[in-house]
PDB file of N, CA and C in Angstrom:
ATOM      1  N   MET A   1      35.523-101.398   1.445  1.00  0.00           N
ATOM      2  CA  MET A   1      35.671-101.167   3.203  1.00  0.00           C
ATOM      3  C   MET A   1      34.777 -99.865   2.921  1.00  0.00           C
ATOM      4  N   SER A   2      34.038 -99.215   3.887  1.00  0.00           N
ATOM      5  CA  SER A   2      33.400 -97.720   3.947  1.00  0.00           C
ATOM      6  C   SER A   2      34.504 -97.500   5.062  1.00  0.00           C
ATOM      7  N   GLN A   3      34.092 -95.946   4.679  1.00  0.00           N
ATOM      8  CA  GLN A   3      34.664 -95.292   5.774  1.00  0.00           C
ATOM      9  C   GLN A   3      33.611 -93.898   6.472  1.00  0.00           C
ATOM     10  N   TYR A   4      33.104 -93.987   7.861  1.00  0.00           N
ATOM     11  CA  TYR A   4      32.271 -93.178   8.067  1.00  0.00           C
ATOM     12  C   TYR A   4      32.809 -92.217   8.876  1.00  0.00           C
ATOM     13  N   PHE A   5      32.567 -91.222   8.586  1.00  0.00           N
ATOM     14  CA  PHE A   5      32.820 -89.774   9.719  1.00  0.00           C
ATOM     15  C   PHE A   5      32.193 -89.463  10.500  1.00  0.00           C
ATOM     16  N   ILE A   6      32.468 -89.908  11.745  1.00  0.00           N
ATOM     17  CA  ILE A   6      30.988 -89.380  13.063  1.00  0.00           C
ATOM     18  C   ILE A   6      31.772 -88.521  13.925  1.00  0.00           C
ATOM     19  N   SER A   7      31.402 -87.768  14.438  1.00  0.00           N
ATOM     20  CA  SER A   7      30.990 -86.789  15.362  1.00  0.00           C
ATOM     21  C   SER A   7      30.374 -86.871  16.631  1.00  0.00           C
ATOM     22  N   LEU A   8      30.702 -86.711  17.315  1.00  0.00           N
ATOM     23  CA  LEU A   8      30.388 -86.570  18.889  1.00  0.00           C
ATOM     24  C   LEU A   8      29.929 -85.476  19.332  1.00  0.00           C
ATOM     25  N   PRO A   9      29.114 -84.159  19.187  1.00  0.00           N
ATOM     26  CA  PRO A   9      29.475 -82.749  19.477  1.00  0.00           C
ATOM     27  C   PRO A   9      29.490 -82.501  20.712  1.00  0.00           C
ATOM     28  N   ASP A  10      29.073 -83.441  21.970  1.00  0.00           N
ATOM     29  CA  ASP A  10      28.771 -83.224  23.215  1.00  0.00           C
ATOM     30  C   ASP A  10      29.421 -84.675  24.040  1.00  0.00           C
ATOM     31  N   PRO A  11      31.018 -84.678  23.310  1.00  0.00           N
ATOM     32  CA  PRO A  11      31.329 -85.833  24.306  1.00  0.00           C
ATOM     33  C   PRO A  11      30.643 -86.308  25.272  1.00  0.00           C
ATOM     34  N   SER A  12      30.310 -85.222  26.828  1.00  0.00           N
ATOM     35  CA  SER A  12      30.014 -85.570  28.214  1.00  0.00           C
ATOM     36  C   SER A  12      28.367 -86.347  28.193  1.00  0.00           C
ATOM     37  N   LYS A  13      28.033 -86.235  26.936  1.00  0.00           N
ATOM     38  CA  LYS A  13      26.680 -86.438  26.468  1.00  0.00           C
ATOM     39  C   LYS A  13      26.480 -87.842  26.056  1.00  0.00           C
ATOM     40  N   ALA A  14      27.825 -88.253  25.349  1.00  0.00           N
ATOM     41  CA  ALA A  14      27.302 -89.772  24.352  1.00  0.00           C
ATOM     42  C   ALA A  14      27.562 -90.251  24.977  1.00  0.00           C
ATOM     43  N   HIS A  15      26.099 -90.657  25.661  1.00  0.00           N
ATOM     44  CA  HIS A  15      25.523 -91.770  26.242  1.00  0.00           C
ATOM     45  C   HIS A  15      24.780 -92.772  26.114  1.00  0.00           C
ATOM     46  N   GLY A  16      24.586 -93.989  26.026  1.00  0.00           N
ATOM     47  CA  GLY A  16      23.595 -94.526  25.583  1.00  0.00           C
ATOM     48  C   GLY A  16      22.059 -94.630  26.593  1.00  0.00           C
ATOM     49  N   ASN A  17      21.089 -95.111  26.879  1.00  0.00           N
ATOM     50  CA  ASN A  17      20.042 -95.246  27.429  1.00  0.00           C
ATOM     51  C   ASN A  17      20.620 -96.301  29.076  1.00  0.00           C
ATOM     52  N   ASP A  18      21.740 -97.262  28.783  1.00  0.00           N
ATOM     53  CA  ASP A  18      21.791 -98.455  29.341  1.00  0.00           C
ATOM     54  C   ASP A  18      23.243 -98.259  29.868  1.00  0.00           C
ATOM     55  N   ALA A  19      23.501 -98.308  31.253  1.00  0.00           N
ATOM     56  CA  ALA A  19      24.982 -97.720  31.272  1.00  0.00           C
ATOM     57  C   ALA A  19      25.575 -99.066  30.838  1.00  0.00           C
ATOM     58  N   ASP A  20      25.267 -99.992  30.894  1.00  0.00           N
ATOM     59  CA  ASP A  20      26.215-101.554  30.925  1.00  0.00           C
ATOM     60  C   ASP A  20      26.785-101.415  29.359  1.00  0.00           C
ATOM     61  N   LEU A  21      26.172-100.484  28.931  1.00  0.00           N
ATOM     62  CA  LEU A  21      26.447-100.904  27.167  1.00  0.00           C
ATOM     63  C   LEU A  21      27.026 -99.181  26.604  1.00  0.00           C
ATOM     64  N   SER A  22      27.272 -98.533  27.745  1.00  0.00           N
ATOM     65  CA  SER A  22      27.453 -97.111  26.958  1.00  0.00           C
ATOM     66  C   SER A  22      28.845 -96.802  26.784  1.00  0.00           C
ATOM     67  N   PHE A  23      29.440 -95.550  26.437  1.00  0.00           N
ATOM     68  CA  PHE A  23      30.942 -95.450  26.345  1.00  0.00           C
ATOM     69  C   PHE A  23      31.030 -94.883  27.777  1.00  0.00           C
ATOM     70  N   ARG A  24      32.365 -95.130  28.133  1.00  0.00           N
ATOM     71  CA  ARG A  24      32.659 -94.867  29.352  1.00  0.00           C
ATOM     72  C   ARG A  24      33.800 -94.280  29.429  1.00  0.00           C
ATOM     73  N   SER A  25      34.649 -93.469  28.173  1.00  0.00           N
ATOM     74  CA  SER A  25      35.574 -92.957  27.961  1.00  0.00           C
ATOM     75  C   SER A  25      35.222 -91.044  27.702  1.00  0.00           C
ATOM     76  N   GLN A  26      35.890 -90.316  28.207  1.00  0.00           N
ATOM     77  CA  GLN A  26      36.001 -88.914  27.710  1.00  0.00           C
ATOM     78  C   GLN A  26      37.028 -88.490  26.797  1.00  0.00           C
ATOM     79  N   SER A  27      37.910 -89.069  26.197  1.00  0.00           N
ATOM     80  CA  SER A  27      38.627 -88.939  25.272  1.00  0.00           C
ATOM     81  C   SER A  27      38.524 -89.130  23.853  1.00  0.00           C
ATOM     82  N   ALA A  28      39.303 -88.528  23.137  1.00  0.00           N
ATOM     83  CA  ALA A  28      38.881 -89.115  22.093  1.00  0.00           C
ATOM     84  C   ALA A  28      39.565 -90.483  21.290  1.00  0.00           C
ATOM     85  N   GLY A  29      40.807 -90.338  22.015  1.00  0.00           N
ATOM     86  CA  GLY A  29      41.706 -92.116  22.096  1.00  0.00           C
ATOM     87  C   GLY A  29      40.448 -93.019  22.615  1.00  0.00           C
ATOM     88  N   GLY A  30      39.865 -92.737  23.409  1.00  0.00           N
ATOM     89  CA  GLY A  30      39.086 -93.858  24.395  1.00  0.00           C
ATOM     90  C   GLY A  30      37.881 -93.746  23.463  1.00  0.00           C
ATOM     91  N   PHE A  31      37.351 -92.829  23.174  1.00  0.00           N
ATOM     92  CA  PHE A  31      36.063 -93.418  22.335  1.00  0.00           C
ATOM     93  C   PHE A  31      36.495 -94.189  21.323  1.00  0.00           C
ATOM     94  N   ALA A  32      37.556 -94.259  20.741  1.00  0.00           N
ATOM     95  CA  ALA A  32      37.637 -94.630  19.367  1.00  0.00           C
ATOM     96  C   ALA A  32      38.321 -95.674  19.634  1.00  0.00           C
ATOM     97  N   GLU A  33      38.830 -96.479  21.071  1.00  0.00           N
ATOM     98  CA  GLU A  33      39.055 -97.830  21.345  1.00  0.00           C
ATOM     99  C   GLU A  33      37.912 -98.972  21.570  1.00  0.00           C
ATOM    100  N   GLU A  34      37.593 -97.914  22.147  1.00  0.00           N
ATOM    101  CA  GLU A  34      35.558 -98.167  22.579  1.00  0.00           C
ATOM    102  C   GLU A  34      34.871 -98.872  21.658  1.00  0.00           C
ATOM    103  N   LEU A  35      34.736 -97.592  20.312  1.00  0.00           N
ATOM    104  CA  LEU A  35      33.930 -98.075  19.647  1.00  0.00           C
ATOM    105  C   LEU A  35      34.662 -99.572  18.433  1.00  0.00           C
ATOM    106  N   GLN A  36      35.718 -99.473  18.248  1.00  0.00           N
ATOM    107  CA  GLN A  36      36.824-100.383  17.698  1.00  0.00           C
ATOM    108  C   GLN A  36      36.277-101.184  18.092  1.00  0.00           C
ATOM    109  N   ALA A  37      36.461-101.907  19.738  1.00  0.00           N
ATOM    110  CA  ALA A  37      36.145-102.910  20.357  1.00  0.00           C
ATOM    111  C   ALA A  37      34.918-103.393  19.760  1.00  0.00           C
ATOM    112  N   ALA A  38      34.307-102.530  19.514  1.00  0.00           N
ATOM    113  CA  ALA A  38      32.298-102.682  19.563  1.00  0.00           C
ATOM    114  C   ALA A  38      32.998-103.413  18.196  1.00  0.00           C
ATOM    115  N   LEU A  39      32.973-102.996  17.204  1.00  0.00           N
ATOM    116  CA  LEU A  39      32.780-103.483  16.016  1.00  0.00           C
ATOM    117  C   LEU A  39      34.131-104.841  15.676  1.00  0.00           C
ATOM    118  N   ARG A  40      35.216-104.587  16.474  1.00  0.00           N
ATOM    119  CA  ARG A  40      35.707-106.113  16.050  1.00  0.00           C
ATOM    120  C   ARG A  40      35.747-107.367  16.647  1.00  0.00           C
ATOM    121  N   THR A  41      34.521-107.402  18.186  1.00  0.00           N
ATOM    122  CA  THR A  41      34.661-108.366  18.749  1.00  0.00           C
ATOM    123  C   THR A  41      32.708-108.709  19.456  1.00  0.00           C
ATOM    124  N   THR A  42      32.073-109.792  19.632  1.00  0.00           N
ATOM    125  CA  THR A  42      30.995-109.444  19.901  1.00  0.00           C
ATOM    126  C   THR A  42      31.090-109.070  21.411  1.00  0.00           C
ATOM    127  N   GLY A  43      32.018-108.759  21.955  1.00  0.00           N
ATOM    128  CA  GLY A  43      32.033-108.168  23.940  1.00  0.00           C
ATOM    129  C   GLY A  43      30.475-107.049  23.761  1.00  0.00           C
ATOM    130  N   LEU A  44      29.943-106.442  23.200  1.00  0.00           N
ATOM    131  CA  LEU A  44      28.756-104.990  23.307  1.00  0.00           C
ATOM    132  C   LEU A  44      28.061-105.898  22.753  1.00  0.00           C
ATOM    133  N   PHE A  45      27.584-106.433  21.796  1.00  0.00           N
ATOM    134  CA  PHE A  45      26.455-107.237  21.089  1.00  0.00           C
ATOM    135  C   PHE A  45      26.121-108.252  21.568  1.00  0.00           C
ATOM    136  N   ASP A  46      27.001-109.071  22.914  1.00  0.00           N
ATOM    137  CA  ASP A  46      27.151-110.190  24.207  1.00  0.00           C
ATOM    138  C   ASP A  46      25.849-109.914  24.838  1.00  0.00           C
ATOM    139  N   ARG A  47      26.703-108.854  25.362  1.00  0.00           N
ATOM    140  CA  ARG A  47      26.042-108.105  26.499  1.00  0.00           C
ATOM    141  C   ARG A  47      24.343-107.338  26.321  1.00  0.00           C
ATOM    142  N   TRP A  48      24.392-106.562  24.941  1.00  0.00           N
ATOM    143  CA  TRP A  48      23.064-105.852  24.589  1.00  0.00           C
ATOM    144  C   TRP A  48      22.005-107.677  24.645  1.00  0.00           C
ATOM    145  N   LEU A  49      22.567-108.639  23.817  1.00  0.00           N
ATOM    146  CA  LEU A  49      21.881-109.916  23.978  1.00  0.00           C
ATOM    147  C   LEU A  49      21.177-110.238  25.280  1.00  0.00           C
ATOM    148  N   ALA A  50      21.810-110.370  25.974  1.00  0.00           N
ATOM    149  CA  ALA A  50      21.798-110.743  27.294  1.00  0.00           C
ATOM    150  C   ALA A  50      20.523-110.400  27.954  1.00  0.00           C
ATOM    151  N   LYS A  51      20.517-109.003  27.331  1.00  0.00           N
ATOM    152  CA  LYS A  51      19.122-108.219  28.276  1.00  0.00           C
ATOM    153  C   LYS A  51      17.968-108.491  27.683  1.00  0.00           C
ATOM    154  N   GLN A  52      18.146-109.120  26.183  1.00  0.00           N
ATOM    155  CA  GLN A  52      16.941-109.294  25.515  1.00  0.00           C
ATOM    156  C   GLN A  52      16.042-110.469  26.280  1.00  0.00           C
ATOM    157  N   PRO A  53      14.840-109.702  25.754  1.00  0.00           N
ATOM    158  CA  PRO A  53      13.735-110.622  26.502  1.00  0.00           C
ATOM    159  C   PRO A  53      13.662-111.907  25.618  1.00  0.00           C
ATOM    160  N   ASP A  54      13.755-112.395  24.807  1.00  0.00           N
ATOM    161  CA  ASP A  54      13.996-113.519  23.824  1.00  0.00           C
ATOM    162  C   ASP A  54      15.251-113.490  22.680  1.00  0.00           C
ATOM    163  N   PRO A  55      16.305-114.101  23.347  1.00  0.00           N
ATOM    164  CA  PRO A  55      17.614-114.134  22.617  1.00  0.00           C
ATOM    165  C   PRO A  55      17.282-114.886  21.330  1.00  0.00           C
ATOM    166  N   ASP A  56      16.899-115.638  21.104  1.00  0.00           N
ATOM    167  CA  ASP A  56      16.690-116.372  20.334  1.00  0.00           C
ATOM    168  C   ASP A  56      16.198-115.775  19.213  1.00  0.00           C
ATOM    169  N   ALA A  57      15.451-114.676  19.249  1.00  0.00           N
ATOM    170  CA  ALA A  57      14.375-113.681  18.280  1.00  0.00           C
ATOM    171  C   ALA A  57      15.159-112.595  17.656  1.00  0.00           C
ATOM    172  N   VAL A  58      16.375-112.504  18.230  1.00  0.00           N
ATOM    173  CA  VAL A  58      17.158-111.621  17.505  1.00  0.00           C
ATOM    174  C   VAL A  58      18.420-111.610  16.277  1.00  0.00           C
ATOM    175  N   GLU A  59      18.021-111.475  15.152  1.00  0.00           N
ATOM    176  CA  GLU A  59      18.540-111.770  13.819  1.00  0.00           C
ATOM    177  C   GLU A  59      20.094-111.858  14.188  1.00  0.00           C
ATOM    178  N   PRO A  60      20.446-113.052  13.530  1.00  0.00           N
ATOM    179  CA  PRO A  60      21.846-113.028  13.508  1.00  0.00           C
ATOM    180  C   PRO A  60      22.947-111.864  12.929  1.00  0.00           C
ATOM    181  N   GLN A  61      22.763-111.041  11.839  1.00  0.00           N
ATOM    182  CA  GLN A  61      23.113-109.999  11.438  1.00  0.00           C
ATOM    183  C   GLN A  61      23.575-109.251  12.596  1.00  0.00           C
ATOM    184  N   TRP A  62      22.971-108.856  13.677  1.00  0.00           N
ATOM    185  CA  TRP A  62      22.994-107.628  14.297  1.00  0.00           C
ATOM    186  C   TRP A  62      24.295-108.066  15.238  1.00  0.00           C
ATOM    187  N   GLY A  63      24.816-109.228  15.256  1.00  0.00           N
ATOM    188  CA  GLY A  63      25.965-110.018  16.251  1.00  0.00           C
ATOM    189  C   GLY A  63      27.097-109.667  14.673  1.00  0.00           C
ATOM    190  N   ALA A  64      27.655-109.035  13.748  1.00  0.00           N
ATOM    191  CA  ALA A  64      28.331-109.675  12.953  1.00  0.00           C
ATOM    192  C   ALA A  64      29.828-108.433  13.785  1.00  0.00           C
ATOM    193  N   THR A  65      30.643-108.861  13.076  1.00  0.00           N
ATOM    194  CA  THR A  65      32.066-107.938  13.388  1.00  0.00           C
ATOM    195  C   THR A  65      32.761-108.193  12.379  1.00  0.00           C
ATOM    196  N   ASP A  66      34.034-107.262  12.510  1.00  0.00           N
ATOM    197  CA  ASP A  66      34.823-107.221  11.203  1.00  0.00           C
ATOM    198  C   ASP A  66      36.109-107.029  12.095  1.00  0.00           C
ATOM    199  N   PRO A  67      36.570-108.037  12.558  1.00  0.00           N
ATOM    200  CA  PRO A  67      37.957-107.887  13.050  1.00  0.00           C
ATOM    201  C   PRO A  67      39.249-107.056  12.684  1.00  0.00           C
ATOM    202  N   ASN A  68      39.164-106.080  11.245  1.00  0.00           N
ATOM    203  CA  ASN A  68      40.159-105.425  10.403  1.00  0.00           C
ATOM    204  C   ASN A  68      39.789-103.961  10.823  1.00  0.00           C
ATOM    205  N   ALA A  69      38.779-103.605  11.716  1.00  0.00           N
ATOM    206  CA  ALA A  69      37.577-102.650  11.336  1.00  0.00           C
ATOM    207  C   ALA A  69      38.505-102.091  12.764  1.00  0.00           C
ATOM    208  N   THR A  70      38.685-100.620  11.815  1.00  0.00           N
ATOM    209  CA  THR A  70      39.801 -99.435  12.178  1.00  0.00           C
ATOM    210  C   THR A  70      39.384 -98.096  13.661  1.00  0.00           C
ATOM    211  N   VAL A  71      39.443 -97.472  14.069  1.00  0.00           N
ATOM    212  CA  VAL A  71      38.585 -96.588  14.169  1.00  0.00           C
ATOM    213  C   VAL A  71      39.884 -95.431  14.828  1.00  0.00           C
ATOM    214  N   THR A  72      39.796 -94.212  14.313  1.00  0.00           N
ATOM    215  CA  THR A  72      41.074 -92.568  15.193  1.00  0.00           C
ATOM    216  C   THR A  72      39.620 -92.559  15.470  1.00  0.00           C
ATOM    217  N   GLY A  73      40.230 -91.841  16.463  1.00  0.00           N
ATOM    218  CA  GLY A  73      39.686 -90.359  16.586  1.00  0.00           C
ATOM    219  C   GLY A  73      40.102 -88.841  17.327  1.00  0.00           C
ATOM    220  N   GLU A  74      39.999 -87.930  17.374  1.00  0.00           N
ATOM    221  CA  GLU A  74      40.407 -86.580  17.392  1.00  0.00           C
ATOM    222  C   GLU A  74      39.299 -85.625  18.073  1.00  0.00           C
ATOM    223  N   GLN A  75      40.339 -84.823  18.560  1.00  0.00           N
ATOM    224  CA  GLN A  75      39.360 -83.596  19.656  1.00  0.00           C
ATOM    225  C   GLN A  75      39.793 -82.494  18.354  1.00  0.00           C
ATOM    226  N   LYS A  76      38.069 -81.959  18.348  1.00  0.00           N
ATOM    227  CA  LYS A  76      38.270 -80.333  17.788  1.00  0.00           C
ATOM    228  C   LYS A  76      37.640 -79.824  18.561  1.00  0.00           C
ATOM    229  N   ASP A  77      38.211 -78.673  18.673  1.00  0.00           N
ATOM    230  CA  ASP A  77      37.061 -77.271  20.051  1.00  0.00           C
ATOM    231  C   ASP A  77      36.332 -78.260  20.864  1.00  0.00           C
ATOM    232  N   LEU A  78      35.746 -77.918  20.882  1.00  0.00           N
ATOM    233  CA  LEU A  78      34.563 -79.514  21.801  1.00  0.00           C
ATOM    234  C   LEU A  78      34.668 -80.136  21.626  1.00  0.00           C
ATOM    235  N   ARG A  79      34.564 -80.696  20.408  1.00  0.00           N
ATOM    236  CA  ARG A  79      33.679 -82.254  19.696  1.00  0.00           C
ATOM    237  C   ARG A  79      35.254 -83.347  19.668  1.00  0.00           C
ATOM    238  N   ILE A  80      34.531 -84.017  19.455  1.00  0.00           N
ATOM    239  CA  ILE A  80      35.487 -85.511  19.149  1.00  0.00           C
ATOM    240  C   ILE A  80      34.875 -85.585  17.520  1.00  0.00           C
ATOM    241  N   ASN A  81      35.670 -86.096  16.802  1.00  0.00           N
ATOM    242  CA  ASN A  81      35.618 -86.488  15.199  1.00  0.00           C
ATOM    243  C   ASN A  81      36.019 -88.030  15.614  1.00  0.00           C
ATOM    244  N   LEU A  82      35.352 -89.100  14.753  1.00  0.00           N
ATOM    245  CA  LEU A  82      35.987 -90.255  14.642  1.00  0.00           C
ATOM    246  C   LEU A  82      36.378 -91.195  13.508  1.00  0.00           C
ATOM    247  N   VAL A  83      36.750 -91.262  12.475  1.00  0.00           N
ATOM    248  CA  VAL A  83      36.766 -92.053  11.087  1.00  0.00           C
ATOM    249  C   VAL A  83      37.134 -93.260  11.801  1.00  0.00           C
ATOM    250  N   VAL A  84      35.731 -94.058  10.887  1.00  0.00           N
ATOM    251  CA  VAL A  84      35.945 -95.727  11.137  1.00  0.00           C
ATOM    252  C   VAL A  84      35.962 -96.202   9.936  1.00  0.00           C
ATOM    253  N   SER A  85      36.576 -97.575   9.745  1.00  0.00           N
ATOM    254  CA  SER A  85      36.606 -97.997   8.629  1.00  0.00           C
ATOM    255  C   SER A  85      36.448 -99.454   8.663  1.00  0.00           C
ATOM    256  N   THR A  86      35.606-100.120   8.115  1.00  0.00           N
ATOM    257  CA  THR A  86      34.735-100.783   7.802  1.00  0.00           C
ATOM    258  C   THR A  86      34.376-101.639   7.655  1.00  0.00           C
ATOM    259  N   THR A  87      33.587-103.122   7.619  1.00  0.00           N
ATOM    260  CA  THR A  87      32.973-103.684   6.384  1.00  0.00           C
ATOM    261  C   THR A  87      31.654-104.491   6.790  1.00  0.00           C
ATOM    262  N   ILE A  88      30.922-103.514   8.284  1.00  0.00           N
ATOM    263  CA  ILE A  88      30.531-103.586   8.768  1.00  0.00           C
ATOM    264  C   ILE A  88      29.333-102.805   8.437  1.00  0.00           C
ATOM    265  N   ASN A  89      27.536-103.694   8.195  1.00  0.00           N
ATOM    266  CA  ASN A  89      26.625-102.917   7.727  1.00  0.00           C
ATOM    267  C   ASN A  89      26.354-101.866   8.141  1.00  0.00           C
ATOM    268  N   SER A  90      26.603-100.433   7.287  1.00  0.00           N
ATOM    269  CA  SER A  90      25.839 -99.296   8.151  1.00  0.00           C
ATOM    270  C   SER A  90      24.538 -99.257   9.076  1.00  0.00           C
ATOM    271  N   ASP A  91      23.929-100.186   8.983  1.00  0.00           N
ATOM    272  CA  ASP A  91      22.774-100.997   9.767  1.00  0.00           C
ATOM    273  C   ASP A  91      23.304-100.616  11.500  1.00  0.00           C
ATOM    274  N   VAL A  92      23.881-101.815  10.954  1.00  0.00           N
ATOM    275  CA  VAL A  92      24.836-102.569  12.416  1.00  0.00           C
ATOM    276  C   VAL A  92      25.778-101.385  13.033  1.00  0.00           C
ATOM    277  N   LEU A  93      26.510-100.983  12.350  1.00  0.00           N
ATOM    278  CA  LEU A  93      27.360 -99.698  12.586  1.00  0.00           C
ATOM    279  C   LEU A  93      26.623 -98.907  13.663  1.00  0.00           C
ATOM    280  N   LYS A  94      25.235 -98.421  13.091  1.00  0.00           N
ATOM    281  CA  LYS A  94      24.494 -97.191  13.862  1.00  0.00           C
ATOM    282  C   LYS A  94      23.771 -97.492  14.405  1.00  0.00           C
ATOM    283  N   GLU A  95      23.690 -98.809  14.832  1.00  0.00           N
ATOM    284  CA  GLU A  95      22.595 -99.553  15.901  1.00  0.00           C
ATOM    285  C   GLU A  95      23.686 -99.912  16.833  1.00  0.00           C
ATOM    286  N   ARG A  96      25.234 -99.804  17.298  1.00  0.00           N
ATOM    287  CA  ARG A  96      26.128 -99.980  17.957  1.00  0.00           C
ATOM    288  C   ARG A  96      26.366 -98.752  18.444  1.00  0.00           C
ATOM    289  N   LEU A  97      26.664 -97.983  17.954  1.00  0.00           N
ATOM    290  CA  LEU A  97      26.323 -96.271  18.297  1.00  0.00           C
ATOM    291  C   LEU A  97      25.838 -95.729  18.687  1.00  0.00           C
ATOM    292  N   ARG A  98      24.078 -96.230  18.439  1.00  0.00           N
ATOM    293  CA  ARG A  98      23.718 -95.507  19.446  1.00  0.00           C
ATOM    294  C   ARG A  98      23.757 -96.462  21.184  1.00  0.00           C
ATOM    295  N   LEU A  99      23.961 -98.006  20.546  1.00  0.00           N
ATOM    296  CA  LEU A  99      24.333 -98.562  22.274  1.00  0.00           C
ATOM    297  C   LEU A  99      24.936 -97.711  23.179  1.00  0.00           C
ATOM    298  N   LEU A 100      26.656 -97.301  21.795  1.00  0.00           N
ATOM    299  CA  LEU A 100      27.306 -96.233  23.066  1.00  0.00           C
ATOM    300  C   LEU A 100      26.941 -95.091  23.576  1.00  0.00           C
ATOM    301  N   ALA A 101      26.416 -94.408  22.449  1.00  0.00           N
ATOM    302  CA  ALA A 101      26.075 -92.966  22.802  1.00  0.00           C
ATOM    303  C   ALA A 101      24.809 -92.518  22.810  1.00  0.00           C
ATOM    304  N   GLY A 102      23.644 -93.535  22.697  1.00  0.00           N
ATOM    305  CA  GLY A 102      22.320 -93.071  22.221  1.00  0.00           C
ATOM    306  C   GLY A 102      22.580 -92.242  21.366  1.00  0.00           C
ATOM    307  N   HIS A 103      21.729 -90.980  21.303  1.00  0.00           N
ATOM    308  CA  HIS A 103      21.248 -90.273  19.938  1.00  0.00           C
ATOM    309  C   HIS A 103      22.703 -89.037  19.674  1.00  0.00           C
ATOM    310  N   HIS A 104      22.967 -88.778  20.515  1.00  0.00           N
ATOM    311  CA  HIS A 104      24.536 -87.789  20.586  1.00  0.00           C
ATOM    312  C   HIS A 104      25.554 -88.322  20.069  1.00  0.00           C
ATOM    313  N   TRP A 105      25.376 -88.533  18.900  1.00  0.00           N
ATOM    314  CA  TRP A 105      26.334 -88.175  17.755  1.00  0.00           C
ATOM    315  C   TRP A 105      25.575 -88.169  16.240  1.00  0.00           C
ATOM    316  N   GLU A 106      26.640 -87.911  15.186  1.00  0.00           N
ATOM    317  CA  GLU A 106      26.462 -87.557  13.412  1.00  0.00           C
ATOM    318  C   GLU A 106      27.225 -88.116  12.697  1.00  0.00           C
ATOM    319  N   LEU A 107      26.668 -88.552  11.826  1.00  0.00           N
ATOM    320  CA  LEU A 107      26.908 -89.294  10.929  1.00  0.00           C
ATOM    321  C   LEU A 107      27.425 -87.675   9.847  1.00  0.00           C
ATOM    322  N   ARG A 108      28.470 -87.831   9.364  1.00  0.00           N
ATOM    323  CA  ARG A 108      28.859 -86.565   8.668  1.00  0.00           C
ATOM    324  C   ARG A 108      29.193 -86.804   7.363  1.00  0.00           C
ATOM    325  N   ASP A 109      29.337 -87.663   7.002  1.00  0.00           N
ATOM    326  CA  ASP A 109      30.125 -88.406   5.642  1.00  0.00           C
ATOM    327  C   ASP A 109      30.417 -90.083   5.795  1.00  0.00           C
ATOM    328  N   VAL A 110      30.266 -90.281   4.529  1.00  0.00           N
ATOM    329  CA  VAL A 110      30.408 -92.006   4.306  1.00  0.00           C
ATOM    330  C   VAL A 110      31.244 -91.855   3.072  1.00  0.00           C
ATOM    331  N   ARG A 111      32.221 -92.655   2.997  1.00  0.00           N
ATOM    332  CA  ARG A 111      33.280 -92.650   1.764  1.00  0.00           C
ATOM    333  C   ARG A 111      33.500 -94.518   1.061  1.00  0.00           C
TER     334      ARG A 111
END
């Protein structure tokens, strides 16, 4: 299991291009809960897949889940720091973050 240390430098901007797929929360705990759900279940992936012109052409790896994934969040000054523990491939994690937060997140460390 890998640990990813992620930062949302300006949480008010942490939204993707599609409001249906973006973070809705404003608190550290809320961001953590939404990301954890996106890793544990197929909900976010299913909503994204339904918007694709050819859903059957999407590689199955993008729908991977980790029912044991955990995410914790902490407010530090204006930024929110998230710690993600998961077995999900880093490319899949990054794609989920892009859907949820757009480009308004930073990968600070991986262990």
